[in-house]
Each structure stands twice: as C-alpha cells, then as structure tokens.
Amino acid sequence: MGSNTEAARQGSPGRKIMADTMTSGEMAAHRRRNGILLLPLGCFEMHGVQVGMSCDSFIAEAACIHAAREWDAVVLPTIHYTFPGATSPWPGSVAVRPEETFRYVKAVVEAILRNGFKKLVLCSLHGPSGFCLLYTSPSPRDLSTSRM
C-alpha cells in the first residue's frame, strides 16, 4: 500500500484505526476502553460505465475512517456482498438475496457483541441496505445484556 493511502487509513500519529491491521491485544485494549467499532456495509454492483463496482463499499469505509478519527473508534473490515437492489441483473453485480444479507449482517453484529464490544455503529450509504441498519441494530437493552 502506498504511503498516502496508508496515512489516510490511520488515526492520530501512532494510533491504528483499521481493525484488519491491529493485533488481538490492540483490539482487547480498545474493548477495555469501551471503544466504538464502526462496521461499513457496502455492495458489489453495477454503477454504469464510469464507476467501479465497489463504490458503495469504498464510500462507506471512507465515512467510517473519517468518523473513527473524530470518535477514537476502530473500523472493522467492510462487508462487501449485500443485496444490490435493482442492479441485480447487470453483469458483475453480486445479487445476495435480502434475507441472506440480513441474516449474515445480524450474525456478524451478534458475534461482535458476544465478543464484549458494546458500542457498534453500522454504516451504509447504499439505499437497499437500510433494512439491515434498522433490523440488525440491537436495542440499548440488548447491548447491556450481551455476554462474551
């Protein structure tokens, strides 16, 4: 990865913000601080002839990186394959059904909470992913009763 790209993916000097570059010990320290986790939800779909297939994923991750710097949060790896909506029939679109998307995102959220993290923010700028944000987000009561 180039130095400009790597610098964009880091927080303040010396602080990692991308979970995929952190060690288990660094994640444990973030959990002990009751730190925030950000989970970007993207999509792999057609966006016309001028835009790459993963633009929804890139935008969600960029939003999370920006928020992580402001909130002292950590960005989890992006979930790329979700329900694309109307672009399902276009070449290259990976058309995961809505119920499969929901079950997978819900399973990931539950696994994160079982691991002891209590502050999780899901981020998507892809319209058809809205149902995942609404229906997989636990209530405050769910967060307070989650166990490792």
Protein backbone atom coordinates (compact mmCIF):
# COMPACT_ATOMS: atom_id res chain seq x y z
CA MET A 1 0.00 0.00 0.00
CA GLY A 2 1.32 3.47 -0.84
CA SER A 3 2.28 5.84 1.93
CA ASN A 4 -0.53 8.31 1.12
CA THR A 5 -3.12 5.55 1.17
CA GLU A 6 -1.77 4.11 4.42
CA ALA A 7 -1.66 7.56 6.03
CA ALA A 8 -5.31 8.11 5.09
CA ARG A 9 -6.22 4.86 6.85
CA GLN A 10 -4.60 5.82 10.17
CA GLY A 11 -5.85 7.99 13.01
CA SER A 12 -3.69 10.33 15.01
CA PRO A 13 0.03 9.56 14.83
CA GLY A 14 0.72 6.12 16.25
CA ARG A 15 -2.95 5.11 16.60
CA LYS A 16 -4.32 2.43 14.34
CA ILE A 17 -7.95 2.79 13.31
CA MET A 18 -8.32 -0.18 10.94
CA ALA A 19 -9.12 -3.45 12.74
CA ASP A 20 -7.57 -5.51 9.97
CA THR A 21 -4.15 -4.01 10.79
CA MET A 22 -4.49 -4.43 14.57
CA THR A 23 -3.42 -7.29 16.79
CA SER A 24 -5.75 -9.14 19.12
CA GLY A 25 -4.08 -7.34 22.04
CA GLU A 26 -4.78 -3.94 20.48
CA MET A 27 -8.43 -4.92 19.95
CA ALA A 28 -8.62 -6.11 23.57
CA ALA A 29 -7.30 -2.72 24.74
CA HIS A 30 -9.93 -0.95 22.62
CA ARG A 31 -12.62 -3.18 24.16
CA ARG A 32 -11.38 -2.43 27.71
CA ARG A 33 -11.72 1.30 26.92
CA ASN A 34 -15.32 0.57 25.82
CA GLY A 35 -14.28 1.85 22.41
CA ILE A 36 -16.56 2.31 19.43
CA LEU A 37 -16.46 -0.09 16.48
CA LEU A 38 -17.60 1.01 13.03
CA LEU A 39 -18.87 -1.59 10.55
CA PRO A 40 -19.11 -0.41 6.93
CA LEU A 41 -21.70 -2.14 4.74
CA GLY A 42 -21.09 -1.89 1.03
CA CYS A 43 -22.27 -3.59 -2.10
CA PHE A 44 -20.68 -5.05 -5.23
CA GLU A 45 -22.87 -3.87 -8.08
CA MET A 46 -23.01 -2.13 -11.43
CA HIS A 47 -22.85 1.67 -11.31
CA GLY A 48 -22.78 2.42 -15.00
CA VAL A 49 -19.73 2.55 -17.26
CA GLN A 50 -17.84 5.24 -15.34
CA VAL A 51 -17.85 3.99 -11.71
CA GLY A 52 -16.26 0.90 -10.17
CA MET A 53 -18.33 -1.98 -8.83
CA SER A 54 -17.32 -1.44 -5.17
CA CYS A 55 -18.03 2.29 -4.93
CA ASP A 56 -20.68 1.75 -2.21
CA SER A 57 -18.11 -0.16 -0.15
CA PHE A 58 -15.41 2.48 -0.68
CA ILE A 59 -17.75 5.31 0.32
CA ALA A 60 -18.97 3.53 3.47
CA GLU A 61 -15.41 2.72 4.51
CA ALA A 62 -14.26 6.30 3.86
CA ALA A 63 -17.12 7.62 6.01
CA CYS A 64 -16.11 5.22 8.79
CA ILE A 65 -12.44 6.25 8.55
CA HIS A 66 -13.45 9.89 8.90
CA ALA A 67 -15.71 9.11 11.88
CA ALA A 68 -13.05 6.91 13.50
CA ARG A 69 -10.61 9.81 13.62
CA GLU A 70 -13.24 12.03 15.26
CA TRP A 71 -14.62 9.42 17.68
CA ASP A 72 -11.43 7.49 18.61
CA ALA A 73 -13.10 4.47 17.02
CA VAL A 74 -11.89 1.39 15.12
CA VAL A 75 -13.13 0.48 11.62
CA LEU A 76 -13.96 -3.19 11.07
CA PRO A 77 -13.46 -4.81 7.65
CA THR A 78 -16.19 -3.85 5.20
CA ILE A 79 -18.99 -6.27 4.38
CA HIS A 80 -18.94 -6.09 0.57
CA TYR A 81 -21.56 -8.59 -0.56
CA THR A 82 -25.09 -7.45 0.29
CA PHE A 83 -28.40 -7.07 -1.52
CA PRO A 84 -27.81 -4.78 -4.53
CA GLY A 85 -31.43 -3.94 -5.28
CA ALA A 86 -32.37 -3.01 -8.86
CA THR A 87 -28.91 -3.69 -10.30
CA SER A 88 -29.11 -7.45 -9.64
CA PRO A 89 -29.38 -8.48 -13.32
CA TRP A 90 -26.44 -6.38 -14.55
CA PRO A 91 -23.10 -8.06 -15.36
CA GLY A 92 -20.81 -8.21 -12.35
CA SER A 93 -23.43 -7.43 -9.70
CA VAL A 94 -23.33 -9.99 -6.87
CA ALA A 95 -27.00 -10.41 -6.05
CA VAL A 96 -27.20 -11.69 -2.48
CA ARG A 97 -30.88 -12.02 -1.55
CA PRO A 98 -32.24 -9.58 1.08
CA GLU A 99 -32.95 -12.30 3.66
CA GLU A 100 -29.41 -13.69 3.26
CA THR A 101 -27.94 -10.21 3.65
CA PHE A 102 -30.00 -9.62 6.77
CA ARG A 103 -29.07 -12.97 8.37
CA TYR A 104 -25.36 -12.51 7.64
CA VAL A 105 -25.15 -8.92 8.92
CA LYS A 106 -27.17 -9.87 12.00
CA ALA A 107 -24.81 -12.82 12.67
CA VAL A 108 -21.77 -10.53 12.39
CA VAL A 109 -23.35 -7.96 14.77
CA GLU A 110 -24.22 -10.67 17.30
CA ALA A 111 -20.68 -12.12 17.13
CA ILE A 112 -19.17 -8.68 17.78
CA LEU A 113 -21.45 -8.15 20.79
CA ARG A 114 -20.69 -11.64 22.16
CA ASN A 115 -17.02 -10.70 21.98
CA GLY A 116 -17.68 -8.00 24.56
CA PHE A 117 -17.87 -4.84 22.46
CA LYS A 118 -20.78 -2.63 23.45
CA LYS A 119 -20.57 0.29 21.01
CA LEU A 120 -21.11 -0.69 17.39
CA VAL A 121 -22.15 1.61 14.56
CA LEU A 122 -23.24 0.19 11.20
CA CYS A 123 -22.61 2.50 8.25
CA SER A 124 -24.06 2.17 4.77
CA LEU A 125 -24.70 4.70 2.04
CA HIS A 126 -26.30 2.08 -0.21
CA GLY A 127 -30.07 2.56 -0.17
CA PRO A 128 -31.16 -1.10 -0.23
CA SER A 129 -29.02 -1.82 2.86
CA GLY A 130 -31.26 0.36 5.01
CA PHE A 131 -33.25 -2.63 6.26
CA CYS A 132 -30.06 -4.14 7.69
CA LEU A 133 -29.32 -0.97 9.59
CA LEU A 134 -32.83 -0.90 11.03
CA TYR A 135 -33.36 -4.55 11.86
CA THR A 136 -29.92 -5.74 12.94
CA SER A 137 -29.16 -2.83 15.25
CA PRO A 138 -29.69 -4.06 18.82
CA SER A 139 -31.63 -2.03 21.31
CA PRO A 140 -29.75 -0.44 24.26
CA ARG A 141 -31.16 -3.24 26.41
CA ASP A 142 -29.60 -5.84 24.08
CA LEU A 143 -26.21 -4.13 24.43
CA SER A 144 -26.31 -4.13 28.21
CA THR A 145 -27.13 -7.86 28.41
CA SER A 146 -24.72 -9.16 25.74
CA ARG A 147 -22.18 -11.67 27.02
CA MET A 148 -18.81 -12.74 25.72
